[in-house]
Amino acid sequence: RMLADASAAREQLDELAGLRQGSVRLGAPPTLCVSLV
């Protein structure tokens, strides 16, 4: 959780870059990865 919070803080700073950098971690079941995802 502490590492995630630190990552979130870095991501908030990435807003200043206008979404030109940063990352997103998305999870999904396999049935959605072959369709919606």
PDB file of all heavy atoms in Angstrom:
ATOM      1  N   ARG A   1       0.827  -1.209   0.000  1.00  0.00           N
ATOM      2  CA  ARG A   1       0.000   0.000   0.000  1.00  0.00           C
ATOM      3  C   ARG A   1       0.860   1.258   0.000  1.00  0.00           C
ATOM      4  O   ARG A   1       0.554   2.235  -0.686  1.00  0.00           O
ATOM      5  CB  ARG A   1      -0.948  -0.010   1.200  1.00  0.00           C
ATOM      6  CG  ARG A   1      -2.152  -0.928   1.034  1.00  0.00           C
ATOM      7  CD  ARG A   1      -3.215  -0.636   2.053  1.00  0.00           C
ATOM      8  NE  ARG A   1      -2.798  -0.990   3.401  1.00  0.00           N
ATOM      9  CZ  ARG A   1      -3.001  -2.180   3.956  1.00  0.00           C
ATOM     10  NH1 ARG A   1      -3.608  -3.145   3.269  1.00  0.00           N
ATOM     11  NH2 ARG A   1      -2.615  -2.424   5.191  1.00  0.00           N
ATOM     12  N   MET A   2       1.964   1.234   0.774  1.00  0.00           N
ATOM     13  CA  MET A   2       2.845   2.396   0.819  1.00  0.00           C
ATOM     14  C   MET A   2       3.494   2.639  -0.550  1.00  0.00           C
ATOM     15  O   MET A   2       3.600   3.780  -1.003  1.00  0.00           O
ATOM     16  CB  MET A   2       3.911   2.201   1.900  1.00  0.00           C
ATOM     17  CG  MET A   2       3.354   2.229   3.317  1.00  0.00           C
ATOM     18  SD  MET A   2       4.602   1.834   4.582  1.00  0.00           S
ATOM     19  CE  MET A   2       5.657   3.288   4.460  1.00  0.00           C
ATOM     20  N   LEU A   3       3.902   1.567  -1.210  1.00  0.00           N
ATOM     21  CA  LEU A   3       4.491   1.704  -2.541  1.00  0.00           C
ATOM     22  C   LEU A   3       3.456   2.198  -3.540  1.00  0.00           C
ATOM     23  O   LEU A   3       3.758   3.009  -4.425  1.00  0.00           O
ATOM     24  CB  LEU A   3       5.076   0.366  -2.999  1.00  0.00           C
ATOM     25  CG  LEU A   3       6.315  -0.112  -2.237  1.00  0.00           C
ATOM     26  CD1 LEU A   3       6.644  -1.556  -2.607  1.00  0.00           C
ATOM     27  CD2 LEU A   3       7.513   0.791  -2.537  1.00  0.00           C
ATOM     28  N   ALA A   4       2.215   1.704  -3.395  1.00  0.00           N
ATOM     29  CA  ALA A   4       1.152   2.162  -4.296  1.00  0.00           C
ATOM     30  C   ALA A   4       0.851   3.638  -4.076  1.00  0.00           C
ATOM     31  O   ALA A   4       0.619   4.388  -5.030  1.00  0.00           O
ATOM     32  CB  ALA A   4      -0.115   1.331  -4.082  1.00  0.00           C
ATOM     33  N   ASP A   5       0.853   4.070  -2.813  1.00  0.00           N
ATOM     34  CA  ASP A   5       0.591   5.480  -2.534  1.00  0.00           C
ATOM     35  C   ASP A   5       1.704   6.361  -3.110  1.00  0.00           C
ATOM     36  O   ASP A   5       1.441   7.444  -3.646  1.00  0.00           O
ATOM     37  CB  ASP A   5       0.488   5.701  -1.018  1.00  0.00           C
ATOM     38  CG  ASP A   5      -0.793   5.115  -0.433  1.00  0.00           C
ATOM     39  OD1 ASP A   5      -1.715   4.834  -1.231  1.00  0.00           O
ATOM     40  OD2 ASP A   5      -0.874   4.941   0.791  1.00  0.00           O
ATOM     41  N   ALA A   6       2.954   5.874  -3.006  1.00  0.00           N
ATOM     42  CA  ALA A   6       4.057   6.643  -3.574  1.00  0.00           C
ATOM     43  C   ALA A   6       3.935   6.713  -5.092  1.00  0.00           C
ATOM     44  O   ALA A   6       4.191   7.758  -5.701  1.00  0.00           O
ATOM     45  CB  ALA A   6       5.399   5.992  -3.186  1.00  0.00           C
ATOM     46  N   SER A   7       3.495   5.589  -5.692  1.00  0.00           N
ATOM     47  CA  SER A   7       3.298   5.589  -7.141  1.00  0.00           C
ATOM     48  C   SER A   7       2.174   6.534  -7.531  1.00  0.00           C
ATOM     49  O   SER A   7       2.260   7.248  -8.527  1.00  0.00           O
ATOM     50  CB  SER A   7       2.975   4.161  -7.615  1.00  0.00           C
ATOM     51  OG  SER A   7       2.723   4.142  -8.998  1.00  0.00           O
ATOM     52  N   ALA A   8       1.107   6.548  -6.713  1.00  0.00           N
ATOM     53  CA  ALA A   8      -0.013   7.452  -6.996  1.00  0.00           C
ATOM     54  C   ALA A   8       0.431   8.907  -6.921  1.00  0.00           C
ATOM     55  O   ALA A   8      -0.007   9.743  -7.722  1.00  0.00           O
ATOM     56  CB  ALA A   8      -1.150   7.194  -6.016  1.00  0.00           C
ATOM     57  N   ALA A   9       1.313   9.202  -5.959  1.00  0.00           N
ATOM     58  CA  ALA A   9       1.817  10.570  -5.848  1.00  0.00           C
ATOM     59  C   ALA A   9       2.609  10.958  -7.092  1.00  0.00           C
ATOM     60  O   ALA A   9       2.475  12.076  -7.610  1.00  0.00           O
ATOM     61  CB  ALA A   9       2.702  10.697  -4.608  1.00  0.00           C
ATOM     62  N   ARG A  10       3.410  10.010  -7.584  1.00  0.00           N
ATOM     63  CA  ARG A  10       4.162  10.288  -8.809  1.00  0.00           C
ATOM     64  C   ARG A  10       3.217  10.482  -9.992  1.00  0.00           C
ATOM     65  O   ARG A  10       3.432  11.348 -10.840  1.00  0.00           O
ATOM     66  CB  ARG A  10       5.136   9.143  -9.103  1.00  0.00           C
ATOM     67  CG  ARG A  10       6.330   9.078  -8.157  1.00  0.00           C
ATOM     68  CD  ARG A  10       7.414   8.170  -8.698  1.00  0.00           C
ATOM     69  NE  ARG A  10       6.923   6.810  -8.855  1.00  0.00           N
ATOM     70  CZ  ARG A  10       6.983   5.878  -7.909  1.00  0.00           C
ATOM     71  NH1 ARG A  10       7.505   6.190  -6.721  1.00  0.00           N
ATOM     72  NH2 ARG A  10       6.536   4.662  -8.119  1.00  0.00           N
ATOM     73  N   GLU A  11       2.153   9.656 -10.022  1.00  0.00           N
ATOM     74  CA  GLU A  11       1.199   9.771 -11.119  1.00  0.00           C
ATOM     75  C   GLU A  11       0.483  11.123 -11.083  1.00  0.00           C
ATOM     76  O   GLU A  11       0.186  11.712 -12.128  1.00  0.00           O
ATOM     77  CB  GLU A  11       0.174   8.628 -11.059  1.00  0.00           C
ATOM     78  CG  GLU A  11       0.751   7.245 -11.295  1.00  0.00           C
ATOM     79  CD  GLU A  11       1.166   7.021 -12.732  1.00  0.00           C
ATOM     80  OE1 GLU A  11       0.840   7.863 -13.586  1.00  0.00           O
ATOM     81  OE2 GLU A  11       1.808   5.989 -13.003  1.00  0.00           O
ATOM     82  N   GLN A  12       0.190  11.609  -9.870  1.00  0.00           N
ATOM     83  CA  GLN A  12      -0.456  12.920  -9.761  1.00  0.00           C
ATOM     84  C   GLN A  12       0.446  14.001 -10.341  1.00  0.00           C
ATOM     85  O   GLN A  12      -0.013  14.930 -11.007  1.00  0.00           O
ATOM     86  CB  GLN A  12      -0.767  13.234  -8.288  1.00  0.00           C
ATOM     87  CG  GLN A  12      -1.814  12.322  -7.650  1.00  0.00           C
ATOM     88  CD  GLN A  12      -3.211  12.569  -8.186  1.00  0.00           C
ATOM     89  OE1 GLN A  12      -3.473  13.559  -8.849  1.00  0.00           O
ATOM     90  NE2 GLN A  12      -4.112  11.636  -7.897  1.00  0.00           N
ATOM     91  N   LEU A  13       1.744  13.869 -10.107  1.00  0.00           N
ATOM     92  CA  LEU A  13       2.679  14.839 -10.675  1.00  0.00           C
ATOM     93  C   LEU A  13       2.749  14.726 -12.189  1.00  0.00           C
ATOM     94  O   LEU A  13       3.023  15.721 -12.884  1.00  0.00           O
ATOM     95  CB  LEU A  13       4.075  14.629 -10.065  1.00  0.00           C
ATOM     96  CG  LEU A  13       4.188  14.926  -8.564  1.00  0.00           C
ATOM     97  CD1 LEU A  13       5.589  14.594  -8.066  1.00  0.00           C
ATOM     98  CD2 LEU A  13       3.856  16.385  -8.259  1.00  0.00           C
ATOM     99  N   ASP A  14       2.473  13.502 -12.696  1.00  0.00           N
ATOM    100  CA  ASP A  14       2.483  13.317 -14.141  1.00  0.00           C
ATOM    101  C   ASP A  14       1.380  14.116 -14.839  1.00  0.00           C
ATOM    102  O   ASP A  14       1.439  14.347 -16.049  1.00  0.00           O
ATOM    103  CB  ASP A  14       2.310  11.829 -14.493  1.00  0.00           C
ATOM    104  CG  ASP A  14       3.556  11.020 -14.163  1.00  0.00           C
ATOM    105  OD1 ASP A  14       4.633  11.629 -14.018  1.00  0.00           O
ATOM    106  OD2 ASP A  14       3.437   9.796 -14.038  1.00  0.00           O
ATOM    107  N   GLU A  15       0.371  14.517 -14.060  1.00  0.00           N
ATOM    108  CA  GLU A  15      -0.690  15.330 -14.649  1.00  0.00           C
ATOM    109  C   GLU A  15      -0.111  16.611 -15.259  1.00  0.00           C
ATOM    110  O   GLU A  15      -0.635  17.139 -16.242  1.00  0.00           O
ATOM    111  CB  GLU A  15      -1.732  15.690 -13.595  1.00  0.00           C
ATOM    112  CG  GLU A  15      -2.499  14.499 -13.058  1.00  0.00           C
ATOM    113  CD  GLU A  15      -3.551  14.904 -12.046  1.00  0.00           C
ATOM    114  OE1 GLU A  15      -4.014  16.059 -12.114  1.00  0.00           O
ATOM    115  OE2 GLU A  15      -3.915  14.070 -11.201  1.00  0.00           O
ATOM    116  N   LEU A  16       0.959  17.104 -14.640  1.00  0.00           N
ATOM    117  CA  LEU A  16       1.572  18.334 -15.149  1.00  0.00           C
ATOM    118  C   LEU A  16       2.153  18.117 -16.546  1.00  0.00           C
ATOM    119  O   LEU A  16       2.364  19.066 -17.295  1.00  0.00           O
ATOM    120  CB  LEU A  16       2.669  18.806 -14.192  1.00  0.00           C
ATOM    121  CG  LEU A  16       2.204  19.141 -12.762  1.00  0.00           C
ATOM    122  CD1 LEU A  16       3.395  19.502 -11.903  1.00  0.00           C
ATOM    123  CD2 LEU A  16       1.187  20.284 -12.791  1.00  0.00           C
ATOM    124  N   ALA A  17       2.401  16.850 -16.882  1.00  0.00           N
ATOM    125  CA  ALA A  17       2.943  16.547 -18.205  1.00  0.00           C
ATOM    126  C   ALA A  17       1.837  16.371 -19.244  1.00  0.00           C
ATOM    127  O   ALA A  17       2.107  16.022 -20.386  1.00  0.00           O
ATOM    128  CB  ALA A  17       3.797  15.276 -18.146  1.00  0.00           C
ATOM    129  N   GLY A  18       0.586  16.608 -18.827  1.00  0.00           N
ATOM    130  CA  GLY A  18      -0.523  16.527 -19.771  1.00  0.00           C
ATOM    131  C   GLY A  18      -0.717  15.142 -20.364  1.00  0.00           C
ATOM    132  O   GLY A  18      -1.019  14.998 -21.551  1.00  0.00           O
ATOM    133  N   LEU A  19      -0.571  14.096 -19.538  1.00  0.00           N
ATOM    134  CA  LEU A  19      -0.743  12.714 -19.983  1.00  0.00           C
ATOM    135  C   LEU A  19       0.227  12.334 -21.104  1.00  0.00           C
ATOM    136  O   LEU A  19      -0.076  11.511 -21.951  1.00  0.00           O
ATOM    137  CB  LEU A  19      -2.194  12.462 -20.429  1.00  0.00           C
ATOM    138  CG  LEU A  19      -3.221  12.363 -19.291  1.00  0.00           C
ATOM    139  CD1 LEU A  19      -4.625  12.201 -19.866  1.00  0.00           C
ATOM    140  CD2 LEU A  19      -2.908  11.198 -18.379  1.00  0.00           C
ATOM    141  N   ARG A  20       1.379  12.938 -21.106  1.00  0.00           N
ATOM    142  CA  ARG A  20       2.404  12.548 -22.067  1.00  0.00           C
ATOM    143  C   ARG A  20       3.320  11.467 -21.484  1.00  0.00           C
ATOM    144  O   ARG A  20       4.129  10.895 -22.195  1.00  0.00           O
ATOM    145  CB  ARG A  20       3.231  13.765 -22.500  1.00  0.00           C
ATOM    146  CG  ARG A  20       2.452  14.753 -23.358  1.00  0.00           C
ATOM    147  CD  ARG A  20       3.367  15.787 -23.981  1.00  0.00           C
ATOM    148  NE  ARG A  20       4.034  16.604 -22.965  1.00  0.00           N
ATOM    149  CZ  ARG A  20       3.523  17.718 -22.444  1.00  0.00           C
ATOM    150  NH1 ARG A  20       2.324  18.142 -22.845  1.00  0.00           N
ATOM    151  NH2 ARG A  20       4.180  18.420 -21.544  1.00  0.00           N
ATOM    152  N   GLN A  21       3.213  11.244 -20.176  1.00  0.00           N
ATOM    153  CA  GLN A  21       3.980  10.174 -19.546  1.00  0.00           C
ATOM    154  C   GLN A  21       3.198   9.662 -18.347  1.00  0.00           C
ATOM    155  O   GLN A  21       2.235  10.273 -17.921  1.00  0.00           O
ATOM    156  CB  GLN A  21       5.357  10.672 -19.113  1.00  0.00           C
ATOM    157  CG  GLN A  21       5.304  11.796 -18.090  1.00  0.00           C
ATOM    158  CD  GLN A  21       6.691  12.312 -17.741  1.00  0.00           C
ATOM    159  OE1 GLN A  21       7.623  12.125 -18.498  1.00  0.00           O
ATOM    160  NE2 GLN A  21       6.818  12.948 -16.602  1.00  0.00           N
ATOM    161  N   GLY A  22       3.636   8.533 -17.812  1.00  0.00           N
ATOM    162  CA  GLY A  22       2.940   7.919 -16.690  1.00  0.00           C
ATOM    163  C   GLY A  22       2.613   6.471 -17.015  1.00  0.00           C
ATOM    164  O   GLY A  22       3.087   5.907 -18.007  1.00  0.00           O
ATOM    165  N   SER A  23       1.797   5.837 -16.178  1.00  0.00           N
ATOM    166  CA  SER A  23       1.435   4.441 -16.390  1.00  0.00           C
ATOM    167  C   SER A  23       0.085   4.166 -15.751  1.00  0.00           C
ATOM    168  O   SER A  23      -0.369   4.890 -14.871  1.00  0.00           O
ATOM    169  CB  SER A  23       2.492   3.497 -15.798  1.00  0.00           C
ATOM    170  OG  SER A  23       2.564   3.651 -14.386  1.00  0.00           O
ATOM    171  N   VAL A  24      -0.557   3.104 -16.227  1.00  0.00           N
ATOM    172  CA  VAL A  24      -1.827   2.630 -15.666  1.00  0.00           C
ATOM    173  C   VAL A  24      -1.729   1.123 -15.520  1.00  0.00           C
ATOM    174  O   VAL A  24      -1.280   0.425 -16.435  1.00  0.00           O
ATOM    175  CB  VAL A  24      -3.028   2.978 -16.566  1.00  0.00           C
ATOM    176  CG1 VAL A  24      -4.323   2.442 -15.940  1.00  0.00           C
ATOM    177  CG2 VAL A  24      -3.153   4.465 -16.777  1.00  0.00           C
ATOM    178  N   ARG A  25      -2.159   0.614 -14.368  1.00  0.00           N
ATOM    179  CA  ARG A  25      -2.164  -0.820 -14.109  1.00  0.00           C
ATOM    180  C   ARG A  25      -3.626  -1.281 -14.049  1.00  0.00           C
ATOM    181  O   ARG A  25      -4.354  -0.917 -13.125  1.00  0.00           O
ATOM    182  CB  ARG A  25      -1.449  -1.128 -12.803  1.00  0.00           C
ATOM    183  CG  ARG A  25       0.002  -0.646 -12.755  1.00  0.00           C
ATOM    184  CD  ARG A  25       0.533  -0.600 -11.341  1.00  0.00           C
ATOM    185  NE  ARG A  25      -0.267   0.281 -10.509  1.00  0.00           N
ATOM    186  CZ  ARG A  25      -0.170   0.325  -9.183  1.00  0.00           C
ATOM    187  NH1 ARG A  25       0.683  -0.451  -8.543  1.00  0.00           N
ATOM    188  NH2 ARG A  25      -0.932   1.155  -8.485  1.00  0.00           N
ATOM    189  N   LEU A  26      -4.027  -2.075 -15.034  1.00  0.00           N
ATOM    190  CA  LEU A  26      -5.413  -2.537 -15.153  1.00  0.00           C
ATOM    191  C   LEU A  26      -5.457  -4.053 -15.033  1.00  0.00           C
ATOM    192  O   LEU A  26      -4.664  -4.755 -15.652  1.00  0.00           O
ATOM    193  CB  LEU A  26      -5.990  -2.103 -16.504  1.00  0.00           C
ATOM    194  CG  LEU A  26      -7.414  -2.554 -16.834  1.00  0.00           C
ATOM    195  CD1 LEU A  26      -8.428  -1.873 -15.925  1.00  0.00           C
ATOM    196  CD2 LEU A  26      -7.738  -2.287 -18.294  1.00  0.00           C
ATOM    197  N   GLY A  27      -6.406  -4.546 -14.246  1.00  0.00           N
ATOM    198  CA  GLY A  27      -6.596  -5.985 -14.119  1.00  0.00           C
ATOM    199  C   GLY A  27      -7.913  -6.408 -14.735  1.00  0.00           C
ATOM    200  O   GLY A  27      -8.878  -5.633 -14.746  1.00  0.00           O
ATOM    201  N   ALA A  28      -7.969  -7.639 -15.250  1.00  0.00           N
ATOM    202  CA  ALA A  28      -9.204  -8.153 -15.851  1.00  0.00           C
ATOM    203  C   ALA A  28      -9.128  -9.673 -15.965  1.00  0.00           C
ATOM    204  O   ALA A  28      -8.045 -10.228 -16.132  1.00  0.00           O
ATOM    205  CB  ALA A  28      -9.447  -7.537 -17.227  1.00  0.00           C
ATOM    206  N   PRO A  29     -10.280 -10.357 -15.903  1.00  0.00           N
ATOM    207  CA  PRO A  29     -10.302 -11.800 -16.141  1.00  0.00           C
ATOM    208  C   PRO A  29     -10.004 -12.105 -17.611  1.00  0.00           C
ATOM    209  O   PRO A  29     -10.207 -11.253 -18.484  1.00  0.00           O
ATOM    210  CB  PRO A  29     -11.743 -12.202 -15.784  1.00  0.00           C
ATOM    211  CG  PRO A  29     -12.307 -11.049 -15.018  1.00  0.00           C
ATOM    212  CD  PRO A  29     -11.610  -9.831 -15.524  1.00  0.00           C
ATOM    213  N   PRO A  30      -9.537 -13.307 -17.916  1.00  0.00           N
ATOM    214  CA  PRO A  30      -9.231 -13.666 -19.304  1.00  0.00           C
ATOM    215  C   PRO A  30     -10.419 -13.494 -20.250  1.00  0.00           C
ATOM    216  O   PRO A  30     -10.233 -13.131 -21.413  1.00  0.00           O
ATOM    217  CB  PRO A  30      -8.810 -15.136 -19.205  1.00  0.00           C
ATOM    218  CG  PRO A  30      -8.280 -15.273 -17.814  1.00  0.00           C
ATOM    219  CD  PRO A  30      -9.134 -14.374 -16.971  1.00  0.00           C
ATOM    220  N   THR A  31     -11.646 -13.754 -19.772  1.00  0.00           N
ATOM    221  CA  THR A  31     -12.814 -13.624 -20.645  1.00  0.00           C
ATOM    222  C   THR A  31     -13.029 -12.187 -21.096  1.00  0.00           C
ATOM    223  O   THR A  31     -13.615 -11.943 -22.156  1.00  0.00           O
ATOM    224  CB  THR A  31     -14.088 -14.118 -19.939  1.00  0.00           C
ATOM    225  OG1 THR A  31     -14.227 -13.446 -18.673  1.00  0.00           O
ATOM    226  CG2 THR A  31     -14.047 -15.612 -19.728  1.00  0.00           C
ATOM    227  N   LEU A  32     -12.563 -11.218 -20.320  1.00  0.00           N
ATOM    228  CA  LEU A  32     -12.679  -9.817 -20.719  1.00  0.00           C
ATOM    229  C   LEU A  32     -11.455  -9.361 -21.499  1.00  0.00           C
ATOM    230  O   LEU A  32     -11.544  -8.453 -22.327  1.00  0.00           O
ATOM    231  CB  LEU A  32     -12.891  -8.930 -19.489  1.00  0.00           C
ATOM    232  CG  LEU A  32     -14.261  -9.053 -18.830  1.00  0.00           C
ATOM    233  CD1 LEU A  32     -14.308  -8.262 -17.523  1.00  0.00           C
ATOM    234  CD2 LEU A  32     -15.374  -8.580 -19.764  1.00  0.00           C
ATOM    235  N   CYS A  33     -10.303  -9.981 -21.244  1.00  0.00           N
ATOM    236  CA  CYS A  33      -9.093  -9.589 -21.977  1.00  0.00           C
ATOM    237  C   CYS A  33      -9.206  -9.913 -23.463  1.00  0.00           C
ATOM    238  O   CYS A  33      -8.606  -9.231 -24.294  1.00  0.00           O
ATOM    239  CB  CYS A  33      -7.864 -10.279 -21.376  1.00  0.00           C
ATOM    240  SG  CYS A  33      -7.309  -9.519 -19.825  1.00  0.00           S
ATOM    241  N   VAL A  34      -9.983 -10.949 -23.820  1.00  0.00           N
ATOM    242  CA  VAL A  34     -10.127 -11.295 -25.232  1.00  0.00           C
ATOM    243  C   VAL A  34     -11.296 -10.569 -25.883  1.00  0.00           C
ATOM    244  O   VAL A  34     -11.592 -10.807 -27.053  1.00  0.00           O
ATOM    245  CB  VAL A  34     -10.306 -12.821 -25.418  1.00  0.00           C
ATOM    246  CG1 VAL A  34      -9.105 -13.573 -24.901  1.00  0.00           C
ATOM    247  CG2 VAL A  34     -11.586 -13.316 -24.762  1.00  0.00           C
ATOM    248  N   SER A  35     -11.969  -9.697 -25.135  1.00  0.00           N
ATOM    249  CA  SER A  35     -13.112  -8.982 -25.713  1.00  0.00           C
ATOM    250  C   SER A  35     -13.030  -7.495 -25.385  1.00  0.00           C
ATOM    251  O   SER A  35     -12.368  -6.723 -26.093  1.00  0.00           O
ATOM    252  CB  SER A  35     -14.430  -9.596 -25.214  1.00  0.00           C
ATOM    253  OG  SER A  35     -14.468  -9.666 -23.790  1.00  0.00           O
ATOM    254  N   LEU A  36     -13.667  -7.077 -24.308  1.00  0.00           N
ATOM    255  CA  LEU A  36     -13.789  -5.662 -23.982  1.00  0.00           C
ATOM    256  C   LEU A  36     -12.438  -4.980 -23.774  1.00  0.00           C
ATOM    257  O   LEU A  36     -12.206  -3.862 -24.246  1.00  0.00           O
ATOM    258  CB  LEU A  36     -14.660  -5.506 -22.728  1.00  0.00           C
ATOM    259  CG  LEU A  36     -14.910  -4.077 -22.241  1.00  0.00           C
ATOM    260  CD1 LEU A  36     -15.681  -3.279 -23.276  1.00  0.00           C
ATOM    261  CD2 LEU A  36     -15.661  -4.106 -20.908  1.00  0.00           C
ATOM    262  N   VAL A  37     -11.532  -5.634 -23.059  1.00  0.00           N
ATOM    263  CA  VAL A  37     -10.256  -5.005 -22.715  1.00  0.00           C
ATOM    264  C   VAL A  37      -9.445  -4.675 -23.965  1.00  0.00           C
ATOM    265  O   VAL A  37      -8.774  -3.634 -24.023  1.00  0.00           O
ATOM    266  CB  VAL A  37      -9.443  -5.895 -21.753  1.00  0.00           C
ATOM    267  CG1 VAL A  37      -8.036  -5.357 -21.558  1.00  0.00           C
ATOM    268  CG2 VAL A  37     -10.156  -5.988 -20.410  1.00  0.00           C
TER     269      VAL A  37
END
